[in-house]
Structures are given as C-alpha cells and as structure tokens.
Amino acid sequence: MLDNFVFGVATSAYQIEGGWDADGKVPSIWDEMSHTPGHVQNGHTGDIACDHYHRWKKDVHLMADLSIQAYRFSISWSRIMPEPPKKVNEKGIKFYQKLVNKLLDYDIKPFVTLYHWDLPKWLDDIGGWGNPDIIKHFKGFASVMFEALPDVEHWITFNEPAVFVNNSWGHHNYPEAVRNVLLAHGKTASHYKANYDGKIGISLNLMPFIPNDWESKKDLLAVENVSKRHNGIWLEPIFNGRFPDGINKLYNLKNKLFFTKEEKNIVKTSIDFLGINYYSCPTVKYNPYKPPVNAMFVNNDYLKDEMGVGIKPHGLYLICKQVKEKYGDIPLYITENGCAYNDVLTHDNKVHDRRRINYMKQHLAYCNLTVEKGIPLKGYFHWSLMNNFEWSFGYTKQFGLIDIHYPTLKRTPKDSYYWYKKIIKDEEFRKKEMEEL
C-alpha cells in the first residue's frame, strides 16, 4: 500500500528563510509588500521568518528524523541574481549547495522549485512578468542554478502561476504575464532537457470543479468555463501548445491570449512530470448574472480549515483522474497538500493536532486509491514542514508539522510529525490507517 511511493514535505524560500538582506541578497517584491503597511496582517514580515537561512542544519536533521524521502523547496531568485551588470551572488549559491549536499547526505531527494512568488524587485521595476524581457532573465537564472546544483534530479519551473499572476504579484498586465510565464517555462524546460539528465516539471494548483446539479446542462457549462479559466489556461498550452477554446471571451479580452506558431512549439514542452497542489474541489452553479463565466461557487456542508477551504479529500483522486484522461500517463506528484489549524503548544510541551492527522490520513487514502486505479501518482509532499509566513496572513495561519515559537524560533514537532513518520516507516501501520477509512 503506497509502496515505492515518495513521501516528502514542502516549503518555499520567502516563507521560511528569513535573512532578507543577508550576504548580498537584494530585495524581492515580498520584501517590499511586507514592509508596506496594510499589505500583511498584523504588519508581519518575512525578514526573519523561521530563520531557516541560519538554522538549515537543524531543519535538515528534523527532516531526516521524520524519515522523508524527498524535500521540495524553492530558490530565492533575489538571493542569487542582483541587478545587472552585477555578478551572480556566490554566497547565495553556496547556501543552496550546502543545503542540497546535506539533504543528499541523509538520502533525501531535493525537488527544487525555481520560482515561488518572490520576484526580485529590480525585475518588478521594469515590468516584471508583464515584460517579455523577463523570459531571458528567468532562463538565465535557471541556467545558473542548473550548473550550481548538478546533483539535483528534479526541478520545478513555477509554483502556482494561477496565484501569482491572478493576484498581480510581479506584473500589471494579465495576458502578457500569462504568456511570458508559459514561454519562460517552455524555454527553460527545453534548455534543461537538452543539456541535463534529470527531470523537470511545473506545479499547478489544480481543482476538479463539481457541478451543483449533474443533470443541469447549464451547471455543466459553468464548470467547463471555470475549469478553462483556472486549469485549462495552464494545462492546454503545456500539453497541447494552445489556449483553451473561448478563453479570451471568458476573460473579456480581445484576443490577447494567443501564441504564434513558433511560440506554440516553445510552450508545448514535453515535461517529465506534473506537480499538482491539491487543496479542494469547489461546487459550481450556473449564474447568468456573473458574466462572462456565468458561474458561482456554492457553499456546502463540508468541514473547512481556518483558511475557509472546504476539506474534500476525494477531489485529489478526481483531479488526478481528470489529468490522466485528458493528457495521458504523465507522472504526477502531489507537490502540496495541507491544512491550516490554530494548533496550541500545551502544558506538556506538545502540539496535539489531531485534525491535521485526520486530514493527512484522508488525503493519503485517496493517494492510495489513485495509485490502485492505475493513475501514475508517484509521491506526496505535505505542506508544510513547519509553520511559516503565510503571505498576506503573516504568521496567523499554521500549516506545519513542526511548531515554531517565533520569539525564540524553537522548533517543536507536532503529533502529526510523529504520525507521518510512522506512516513512512511502518508499512503495517500505513496499511491499518488507510483501511480504517
């Protein structure tokens, strides 16, 4: 049961590293946003975060004790590439080299994400993702990292472009940002595949939208429209070299989302795997008063976490099934899956996060079902290793297997940490836990 399956955890640079101006790192857009009043809850910043930049050895030891087989983390672009003509920041390079080497010492495979939202401010100042020049800048940054980390065998170009593009984090031109991200992905992936022996993919926050009424043609149309805007706008170019039919109409754009013949060949890159960040599957109902998509989300009785996200573990199987049916047997990884709960460090100096354990158990059970159904799901990365800076929510939302006491930065593994460790190491326990559901 989930044999030959990769169990891992995930983080991102800005959310855990801290060291915001250490050793030659230049400002990112998230440094700027978090330093600007009103952008982040309670005025929190990522200046220190979990201080992983200085405490990475301790954190890798915790990962090794957890017995994970893989660790997904991201590179801080701002830590590597100052504004030209300044040279690559060697101190930033050395940080990631030491991290990767230590992971490999413990037989933990690094899955490295090149971009997890923290664009260097100097690139934002020239238009960010809305400026076509960013394509060459991204490919150049990626090339530096490919050379610097030759032992990394799994690379991810982008994390959740649907989030950073839709929220205008690093651009002010939606259609150009979509095109430039996809072209940067395609050129970078092609370069890697032509010159290196590892594997490269992308992580998308996909959702299997569910019609409110399966017998309603209008609800089914609403699902199709929403799915094209959220899933298809990224999947169709990557797999088929084109945008979904009618996508410009669904965004009230005048044919701004398009590719030339040459660009179609660039974006249609043969990725080696697809990362799926799975959190929920919304129910959709037709609504003629919500043009141009003519859809609305329906609240239902599912439990929600403290982000207000409906907990629907069956959707993990559904989205993997949909990807296989539409795009074939591409290897899949759940590159993020997790929940926010207000965990408390109790008098016994422990965190009894039973709700997170139940959440993980249910989602891993659907991972098992996915594999049993012949869908090529290869691994699961829990979000997240530790509590961290949750973007505009600051430190008010807790996703981690490890508690962080921010005044002292003390790490305390939660009950879920020990449960996950047993799931990974003990096949009989894993089987028992899956069969209970």
Protein backbone atom coordinates (compact mmCIF):
# COMPACT_ATOMS: atom_id res chain seq x y z
CA MET A 1 0.00 0.00 0.00
CA LEU A 2 1.73 3.14 -1.34
CA ASP A 3 4.83 1.04 -1.83
CA ASN A 4 7.58 2.64 -3.95
CA PHE A 5 5.88 5.94 -3.22
CA VAL A 6 7.77 9.16 -2.44
CA PHE A 7 6.81 10.73 0.89
CA GLY A 8 8.01 14.29 1.34
CA VAL A 9 7.37 17.77 2.70
CA ALA A 10 7.41 21.18 1.04
CA THR A 11 8.38 24.77 1.86
CA SER A 12 9.25 27.95 -0.01
CA ALA A 13 12.14 30.37 0.32
CA TYR A 14 10.40 33.57 1.41
CA GLN A 15 8.12 31.76 3.82
CA ILE A 16 10.89 30.15 5.90
CA GLU A 17 14.35 31.51 5.12
CA GLY A 18 14.49 34.96 6.69
CA GLY A 19 17.88 36.61 6.15
CA TRP A 20 16.08 39.08 3.94
CA ASP A 21 19.16 41.25 3.37
CA ALA A 22 21.90 38.81 4.38
CA ASP A 23 25.02 38.01 2.37
CA GLY A 24 24.25 40.02 -0.73
CA LYS A 25 20.55 39.21 -1.11
CA VAL A 26 18.66 42.03 -2.84
CA PRO A 27 15.02 42.98 -2.11
CA SER A 28 12.13 40.98 -3.55
CA ILE A 29 8.57 42.10 -4.18
CA TRP A 30 7.55 40.35 -0.96
CA ASP A 31 10.14 42.28 0.99
CA GLU A 32 8.60 45.42 -0.42
CA MET A 33 4.99 44.33 0.19
CA SER A 34 5.56 43.12 3.73
CA HIS A 35 7.40 46.34 4.59
CA THR A 36 4.47 48.41 3.29
CA PRO A 37 1.72 48.95 5.91
CA GLY A 38 -1.60 47.34 5.08
CA HIS A 39 -0.35 44.51 2.89
CA VAL A 40 0.17 41.83 5.53
CA GLN A 41 -1.92 41.01 8.59
CA ASN A 42 -0.56 42.47 11.84
CA GLY A 43 2.32 44.08 9.93
CA HIS A 44 4.19 40.78 9.83
CA THR A 45 7.21 40.41 7.52
CA GLY A 46 9.42 37.63 6.26
CA ASP A 47 12.57 39.36 7.48
CA ILE A 48 13.31 36.55 9.93
CA ALA A 49 10.50 34.06 9.22
CA CYS A 50 11.71 30.67 10.56
CA ASP A 51 15.36 31.75 10.17
CA HIS A 52 15.98 28.69 8.01
CA TYR A 53 18.83 30.59 6.34
CA HIS A 54 20.82 30.29 9.57
CA ARG A 55 19.20 27.15 11.05
CA TRP A 56 19.11 24.94 7.98
CA LYS A 57 21.28 22.21 9.51
CA LYS A 58 18.83 21.76 12.37
CA ASP A 59 15.93 21.72 9.91
CA VAL A 60 17.55 19.08 7.71
CA HIS A 61 18.18 16.97 10.82
CA LEU A 62 14.45 17.23 11.63
CA MET A 63 13.65 16.12 8.08
CA ALA A 64 15.98 13.16 8.41
CA ASP A 65 14.39 12.18 11.71
CA LEU A 66 10.98 12.43 10.02
CA SER A 67 12.26 9.83 7.52
CA ILE A 68 11.04 11.68 4.43
CA GLN A 69 12.47 10.60 1.09
CA ALA A 70 12.20 13.99 -0.62
CA TYR A 71 12.13 17.68 0.23
CA ARG A 72 10.61 20.30 -2.02
CA PHE A 73 11.97 23.82 -1.51
CA SER A 74 12.39 26.92 -3.63
CA ILE A 75 15.30 29.15 -4.59
CA SER A 76 15.20 32.83 -3.67
CA TRP A 77 15.89 34.49 -7.01
CA SER A 78 16.81 37.65 -5.09
CA ARG A 79 19.48 35.74 -3.20
CA ILE A 80 21.15 34.70 -6.45
CA MET A 81 20.76 37.42 -9.07
CA PRO A 82 21.39 41.09 -8.28
CA GLU A 83 20.54 43.68 -10.87
CA PRO A 84 22.84 43.50 -13.92
CA PRO A 85 25.65 44.20 -14.52
CA LYS A 86 26.42 42.93 -11.02
CA LYS A 87 27.58 39.33 -10.93
CA VAL A 88 25.85 36.27 -9.51
CA ASN A 89 25.87 36.26 -5.72
CA GLU A 90 28.21 33.40 -4.81
CA LYS A 91 27.18 33.45 -1.15
CA GLY A 92 23.61 32.75 -2.19
CA ILE A 93 24.76 29.92 -4.43
CA LYS A 94 26.82 28.38 -1.61
CA PHE A 95 23.82 28.39 0.75
CA TYR A 96 21.80 26.19 -1.59
CA GLN A 97 24.80 24.00 -2.41
CA LYS A 98 25.32 23.27 1.29
CA LEU A 99 21.61 22.58 1.75
CA VAL A 100 21.46 20.15 -1.18
CA ASN A 101 24.64 18.36 -0.09
CA LYS A 102 23.30 17.87 3.43
CA LEU A 103 19.98 16.57 2.11
CA LEU A 104 21.81 14.06 -0.06
CA ASP A 105 23.93 13.00 2.92
CA TYR A 106 20.65 11.88 4.50
CA ASP A 107 19.36 10.29 1.27
CA ILE A 108 16.67 12.96 0.92
CA LYS A 109 15.99 13.83 -2.72
CA PRO A 110 15.77 17.57 -3.39
CA PHE A 111 12.85 18.72 -5.55
CA VAL A 112 13.81 22.31 -6.36
CA THR A 113 11.30 24.99 -7.35
CA LEU A 114 12.85 27.86 -9.27
CA TYR A 115 10.07 30.39 -8.69
CA HIS A 116 7.73 30.55 -5.71
CA TRP A 117 6.47 34.13 -5.99
CA ASP A 118 9.40 36.21 -4.62
CA LEU A 119 10.39 38.14 -7.75
CA PRO A 120 13.44 40.40 -7.38
CA LYS A 121 12.24 43.98 -7.05
CA TRP A 122 14.63 45.18 -9.76
CA LEU A 123 12.74 42.96 -12.23
CA ASP A 124 9.38 44.21 -10.99
CA ASP A 125 10.61 47.76 -11.58
CA ILE A 126 10.95 47.03 -15.32
CA GLY A 127 7.52 45.42 -15.63
CA GLY A 128 8.05 42.00 -14.07
CA TRP A 129 6.11 39.20 -15.71
CA GLY A 130 4.41 41.71 -17.99
CA ASN A 131 7.73 42.48 -19.74
CA PRO A 132 8.88 39.89 -22.34
CA ASP A 133 12.49 40.52 -21.26
CA ILE A 134 11.76 38.52 -18.13
CA ILE A 135 11.82 35.33 -20.21
CA LYS A 136 15.57 35.62 -20.81
CA HIS A 137 16.16 36.71 -17.21
CA PHE A 138 14.33 33.66 -15.86
CA LYS A 139 16.09 31.27 -18.21
CA GLY A 140 19.42 32.84 -17.22
CA PHE A 141 18.67 32.45 -13.51
CA ALA A 142 17.56 28.85 -14.06
CA SER A 143 20.72 28.08 -16.03
CA VAL A 144 22.86 29.37 -13.17
CA MET A 145 21.04 27.07 -10.73
CA PHE A 146 21.22 24.03 -13.03
CA GLU A 147 25.00 24.45 -13.17
CA ALA A 148 25.35 25.20 -9.46
CA LEU A 149 23.29 22.19 -8.32
CA PRO A 150 24.21 19.34 -10.70
CA ASP A 151 23.13 16.65 -8.22
CA VAL A 152 19.51 17.85 -8.18
CA GLU A 153 17.49 15.45 -10.32
CA HIS A 154 14.01 17.04 -10.04
CA TRP A 155 13.30 20.65 -10.98
CA ILE A 156 10.06 22.63 -10.95
CA THR A 157 9.93 25.82 -13.01
CA PHE A 158 6.98 27.59 -11.38
CA ASN A 159 4.75 27.19 -8.37
CA GLU A 160 1.08 28.06 -8.90
CA PRO A 161 1.17 30.67 -11.65
CA ALA A 162 -2.61 30.91 -11.27
CA VAL A 163 -1.97 32.55 -7.89
CA PHE A 164 0.85 34.99 -8.54
CA VAL A 165 -0.42 36.01 -11.99
CA ASN A 166 -4.06 36.38 -10.91
CA ASN A 167 -3.01 38.44 -7.86
CA SER A 168 -0.73 40.70 -9.94
CA TRP A 169 2.27 39.81 -7.80
CA GLY A 170 5.05 40.99 -10.06
CA HIS A 171 3.19 42.48 -13.03
CA HIS A 172 0.43 44.83 -14.17
CA ASN A 173 -0.60 43.15 -17.42
CA TYR A 174 -2.54 39.90 -17.05
CA PRO A 175 -2.48 38.47 -20.59
CA GLU A 176 1.20 39.33 -21.11
CA ALA A 177 2.09 37.80 -17.74
CA VAL A 178 0.30 34.55 -18.64
CA ARG A 179 2.12 34.37 -21.97
CA ASN A 180 5.52 35.26 -20.54
CA VAL A 181 5.29 32.75 -17.69
CA LEU A 182 4.40 29.97 -20.13
CA LEU A 183 7.15 30.96 -22.56
CA ALA A 184 9.69 31.19 -19.73
CA HIS A 185 8.61 27.74 -18.57
CA GLY A 186 8.88 26.29 -22.07
CA LYS A 187 12.28 27.77 -22.88
CA THR A 188 13.72 26.81 -19.51
CA ALA A 189 12.38 23.25 -19.61
CA SER A 190 13.66 22.77 -23.17
CA HIS A 191 17.09 24.07 -22.20
CA TYR A 192 17.26 21.71 -19.23
CA LYS A 193 16.14 18.65 -21.19
CA ALA A 194 18.68 19.37 -23.92
CA ASN A 195 21.62 19.69 -21.53
CA TYR A 196 20.94 17.69 -18.37
CA ASP A 197 19.82 14.20 -17.40
CA GLY A 198 17.34 14.96 -14.62
CA LYS A 199 13.61 15.63 -14.75
CA ILE A 200 11.74 18.91 -14.97
CA GLY A 201 8.10 19.85 -14.48
CA ILE A 202 5.78 22.52 -13.12
CA SER A 203 3.46 22.73 -10.08
CA LEU A 204 -0.11 23.91 -10.68
CA ASN A 205 -2.85 24.40 -8.09
CA LEU A 206 -5.48 22.39 -9.92
CA MET A 207 -9.08 21.85 -8.85
CA PRO A 208 -11.71 19.38 -10.11
CA PHE A 209 -14.77 21.63 -10.23
CA ILE A 210 -18.05 19.83 -9.44
CA PRO A 211 -21.45 20.83 -10.86
CA ASN A 212 -24.14 21.62 -8.31
CA ASP A 213 -26.55 19.53 -10.38
CA TRP A 214 -25.11 16.82 -12.63
CA GLU A 215 -28.35 16.81 -14.66
CA SER A 216 -28.16 20.54 -15.40
CA LYS A 217 -26.56 21.42 -18.75
CA LYS A 218 -26.12 24.98 -17.52
CA ASP A 219 -24.24 23.88 -14.41
CA LEU A 220 -22.04 21.66 -16.55
CA LEU A 221 -21.31 24.64 -18.82
CA ALA A 222 -20.44 26.74 -15.76
CA VAL A 223 -18.00 24.02 -14.64
CA GLU A 224 -16.40 23.96 -18.10
CA ASN A 225 -15.97 27.74 -18.09
CA VAL A 226 -14.45 27.89 -14.61
CA SER A 227 -12.17 24.94 -15.32
CA LYS A 228 -10.87 26.57 -18.51
CA ARG A 229 -10.01 29.76 -16.62
CA HIS A 230 -8.32 28.04 -13.69
CA ASN A 231 -6.90 24.75 -15.01
CA GLY A 232 -7.01 24.84 -18.79
CA ILE A 233 -5.28 28.18 -19.23
CA TRP A 234 -2.08 26.48 -17.99
CA LEU A 235 -2.58 22.83 -18.88
CA GLU A 236 -3.64 23.28 -22.50
CA PRO A 237 -0.57 25.32 -23.52
CA ILE A 238 1.85 22.98 -21.72
CA PHE A 239 0.38 19.80 -23.18
CA ASN A 240 -1.15 20.98 -26.47
CA GLY A 241 0.56 24.28 -27.32
CA ARG A 242 -2.65 26.34 -27.33
CA PHE A 243 -5.05 28.16 -25.04
CA PRO A 244 -8.49 26.64 -24.37
CA ASP A 245 -11.18 27.49 -26.90
CA GLY A 246 -13.01 30.69 -25.98
CA ILE A 247 -10.52 31.72 -23.28
CA ASN A 248 -10.37 35.36 -24.43
CA LYS A 249 -14.14 35.64 -24.18
CA LEU A 250 -14.06 34.17 -20.67
CA TYR A 251 -11.70 36.98 -19.65
CA ASN A 252 -13.31 39.75 -21.73
CA LEU A 253 -10.04 40.06 -23.63
CA LYS A 254 -9.77 40.93 -27.30
CA ASN A 255 -7.63 38.02 -28.49
CA LYS A 256 -4.74 38.94 -26.21
CA LEU A 257 -4.21 35.35 -25.10
CA PHE A 258 -2.63 33.73 -28.14
CA PHE A 259 0.59 32.13 -29.37
CA THR A 260 2.37 32.41 -32.67
CA LYS A 261 3.31 29.17 -34.42
CA GLU A 262 6.84 29.43 -33.06
CA GLU A 263 5.58 30.15 -29.54
CA LYS A 264 3.27 27.12 -29.63
CA ASN A 265 6.28 24.88 -30.12
CA ILE A 266 8.07 26.59 -27.22
CA VAL A 267 5.28 26.23 -24.65
CA LYS A 268 4.36 22.71 -25.71
CA THR A 269 7.26 21.25 -23.80
CA SER A 270 7.48 17.58 -23.02
CA ILE A 271 7.58 17.90 -19.23
CA ASP A 272 8.77 14.88 -17.30
CA PHE A 273 6.18 15.20 -14.53
CA LEU A 274 3.33 17.40 -13.39
CA GLY A 275 3.11 18.68 -9.84
CA ILE A 276 -0.43 19.12 -8.50
CA ASN A 277 -1.01 21.33 -5.48
CA TYR A 278 -4.33 20.00 -4.21
CA TYR A 279 -6.45 21.70 -1.57
CA SER A 280 -10.13 21.50 -2.55
CA CYS A 281 -12.75 20.96 -5.26
CA PRO A 282 -15.39 23.72 -5.38
CA THR A 283 -19.02 23.13 -6.29
CA VAL A 284 -20.15 25.34 -9.18
CA LYS A 285 -23.60 26.54 -10.21
CA TYR A 286 -24.71 28.43 -13.32
CA ASN A 287 -25.44 32.11 -12.69
CA PRO A 288 -26.37 34.36 -15.65
CA TYR A 289 -25.67 37.43 -13.50
CA LYS A 290 -21.96 36.56 -13.24
CA PRO A 291 -20.69 37.11 -16.81
CA PRO A 292 -18.62 36.22 -18.70
CA VAL A 293 -18.12 32.90 -16.89
CA ASN A 294 -21.77 32.70 -15.79
CA ALA A 295 -20.82 30.72 -12.71
CA MET A 296 -20.84 30.98 -8.94
CA PHE A 297 -19.40 28.84 -6.17
CA VAL A 298 -21.84 27.08 -3.86
CA ASN A 299 -21.22 26.71 -0.15
CA ASN A 300 -21.94 23.26 1.23
CA ASP A 301 -21.68 21.35 4.46
CA TYR A 302 -18.09 20.16 4.16
CA LEU A 303 -15.76 20.91 7.05
CA LYS A 304 -13.40 23.83 6.47
CA ASP A 305 -9.95 24.65 7.78
CA GLU A 306 -9.03 28.07 9.14
CA MET A 307 -8.36 29.38 5.66
CA GLY A 308 -12.02 28.71 4.92
CA VAL A 309 -11.08 25.97 2.44
CA GLY A 310 -13.52 23.07 2.16
CA ILE A 311 -11.91 19.76 3.09
CA LYS A 312 -12.74 17.39 0.23
CA PRO A 313 -10.12 14.65 0.04
CA HIS A 314 -11.94 12.81 -2.76
CA GLY A 315 -11.04 15.70 -5.07
CA LEU A 316 -7.41 14.60 -5.01
CA TYR A 317 -8.37 11.40 -6.81
CA LEU A 318 -10.73 13.27 -9.15
CA ILE A 319 -8.14 15.79 -10.37
CA CYS A 320 -5.52 13.09 -10.95
CA LYS A 321 -8.11 11.08 -12.87
CA GLN A 322 -9.07 14.08 -14.99
CA VAL A 323 -5.43 14.83 -15.86
CA LYS A 324 -4.80 11.23 -16.88
CA GLU A 325 -7.96 11.07 -19.01
CA LYS A 326 -7.20 14.33 -20.81
CA TYR A 327 -3.41 14.38 -21.03
CA GLY A 328 -2.26 10.77 -20.73
CA ASP A 329 0.10 8.95 -18.41
CA ILE A 330 2.26 11.84 -17.30
CA PRO A 331 3.87 11.04 -13.91
CA LEU A 332 2.15 13.03 -11.18
CA TYR A 333 3.22 14.27 -7.77
CA ILE A 334 1.05 15.95 -5.16
CA THR A 335 3.54 18.76 -4.60
CA GLU A 336 1.40 20.47 -1.95
CA ASN A 337 -1.45 19.37 0.28
CA GLY A 338 -2.14 20.68 3.75
CA CYS A 339 -4.46 22.46 6.16
CA ALA A 340 -4.39 25.45 8.49
CA TYR A 341 -5.44 24.93 12.10
CA ASN A 342 -4.86 27.01 15.22
CA ASP A 343 -2.59 24.50 16.93
CA VAL A 344 -1.60 25.16 20.54
CA LEU A 345 1.54 24.18 22.41
CA THR A 346 0.06 22.64 25.56
CA HIS A 347 1.33 22.32 29.14
CA ASP A 348 3.10 19.04 28.26
CA ASN A 349 5.17 20.94 25.67
CA LYS A 350 3.45 19.10 22.81
CA VAL A 351 1.09 20.03 19.97
CA HIS A 352 -1.82 17.61 19.72
CA ASP A 353 -3.01 18.42 16.18
CA ARG A 354 -5.46 15.57 15.69
CA ARG A 355 -7.35 17.42 12.96
CA ARG A 356 -4.22 17.59 10.81
CA ILE A 357 -3.62 13.88 11.28
CA ASN A 358 -7.18 13.14 10.16
CA TYR A 359 -6.71 15.43 7.17
CA MET A 360 -3.49 13.73 6.12
CA LYS A 361 -4.92 10.26 6.65
CA GLN A 362 -7.89 11.00 4.38
CA HIS A 363 -5.79 12.53 1.62
CA LEU A 364 -3.21 9.77 1.71
CA ALA A 365 -6.03 7.24 1.46
CA TYR A 366 -7.08 8.90 -1.80
CA CYS A 367 -3.46 8.86 -2.94
CA ASN A 368 -3.61 5.12 -2.42
CA LEU A 369 -6.88 4.85 -4.36
CA THR A 370 -5.35 6.89 -7.18
CA VAL A 371 -2.40 4.51 -7.43
CA GLU A 372 -4.67 1.44 -7.24
CA LYS A 373 -6.71 2.80 -10.17
CA GLY A 374 -3.60 2.77 -12.35
CA ILE A 375 -3.00 6.53 -12.32
CA PRO A 376 0.75 7.29 -12.25
CA LEU A 377 0.86 9.20 -8.96
CA LYS A 378 4.44 8.92 -7.72
CA GLY A 379 4.59 10.90 -4.50
CA TYR A 380 3.08 13.24 -1.91
CA PHE A 381 4.61 16.38 -0.36
CA HIS A 382 2.87 17.68 2.73
CA TRP A 383 2.51 21.43 3.07
CA SER A 384 4.33 22.28 5.14
CA LEU A 385 7.37 21.10 7.05
CA MET A 386 6.93 23.88 9.59
CA ASN A 387 4.65 26.78 10.46
CA ASN A 388 5.74 29.77 8.40
CA PHE A 389 4.92 33.13 6.84
CA GLU A 390 1.58 32.59 5.10
CA TRP A 391 1.77 35.55 2.69
CA SER A 392 -0.87 38.21 3.38
CA PHE A 393 -1.95 36.33 6.53
CA GLY A 394 1.51 36.69 8.06
CA TYR A 395 2.08 34.20 10.87
CA THR A 396 -1.61 33.82 11.78
CA LYS A 397 -2.16 30.57 9.85
CA GLN A 398 -0.40 27.36 10.83
CA PHE A 399 0.22 24.64 8.23
CA GLY A 400 3.30 22.95 9.63
CA LEU A 401 4.19 19.55 11.01
CA ILE A 402 6.58 21.49 13.25
CA ASP A 403 5.56 24.34 15.54
CA ILE A 404 7.69 27.49 15.53
CA HIS A 405 7.79 29.63 18.67
CA TYR A 406 8.58 32.86 16.86
CA PRO A 407 10.08 34.83 19.80
CA THR A 408 12.74 32.13 20.25
CA LEU A 409 12.41 30.23 16.92
CA LYS A 410 12.30 26.98 18.89
CA ARG A 411 11.14 24.03 16.77
CA THR A 412 8.65 21.58 18.33
CA PRO A 413 7.47 18.62 16.23
CA LYS A 414 3.69 18.18 16.46
CA ASP A 415 1.81 14.91 16.86
CA SER A 416 1.27 14.97 13.08
CA TYR A 417 5.04 14.90 12.58
CA TYR A 418 5.32 11.67 14.53
CA TRP A 419 2.24 10.20 12.85
CA TYR A 420 3.65 10.96 9.38
CA LYS A 421 6.99 9.46 10.40
CA LYS A 422 5.25 6.23 11.34
CA ILE A 423 3.26 6.24 8.09
CA ILE A 424 6.51 6.50 6.14
CA LYS A 425 8.49 3.92 8.09
CA ASP A 426 5.92 1.32 9.15
CA GLU A 427 4.16 -0.45 6.26
CA GLU A 428 1.76 -2.32 8.56
CA PHE A 429 0.77 0.89 10.35
CA ARG A 430 0.26 2.60 6.99
CA LYS A 431 -1.97 -0.22 5.79
CA LYS A 432 -4.00 -0.16 9.00
CA GLU A 433 -4.51 3.61 8.87
CA MET A 434 -5.61 3.51 5.21
CA GLU A 435 -8.01 0.62 5.78
CA GLU A 436 -9.78 2.43 8.63
CA LEU A 437 -11.37 4.82 6.14
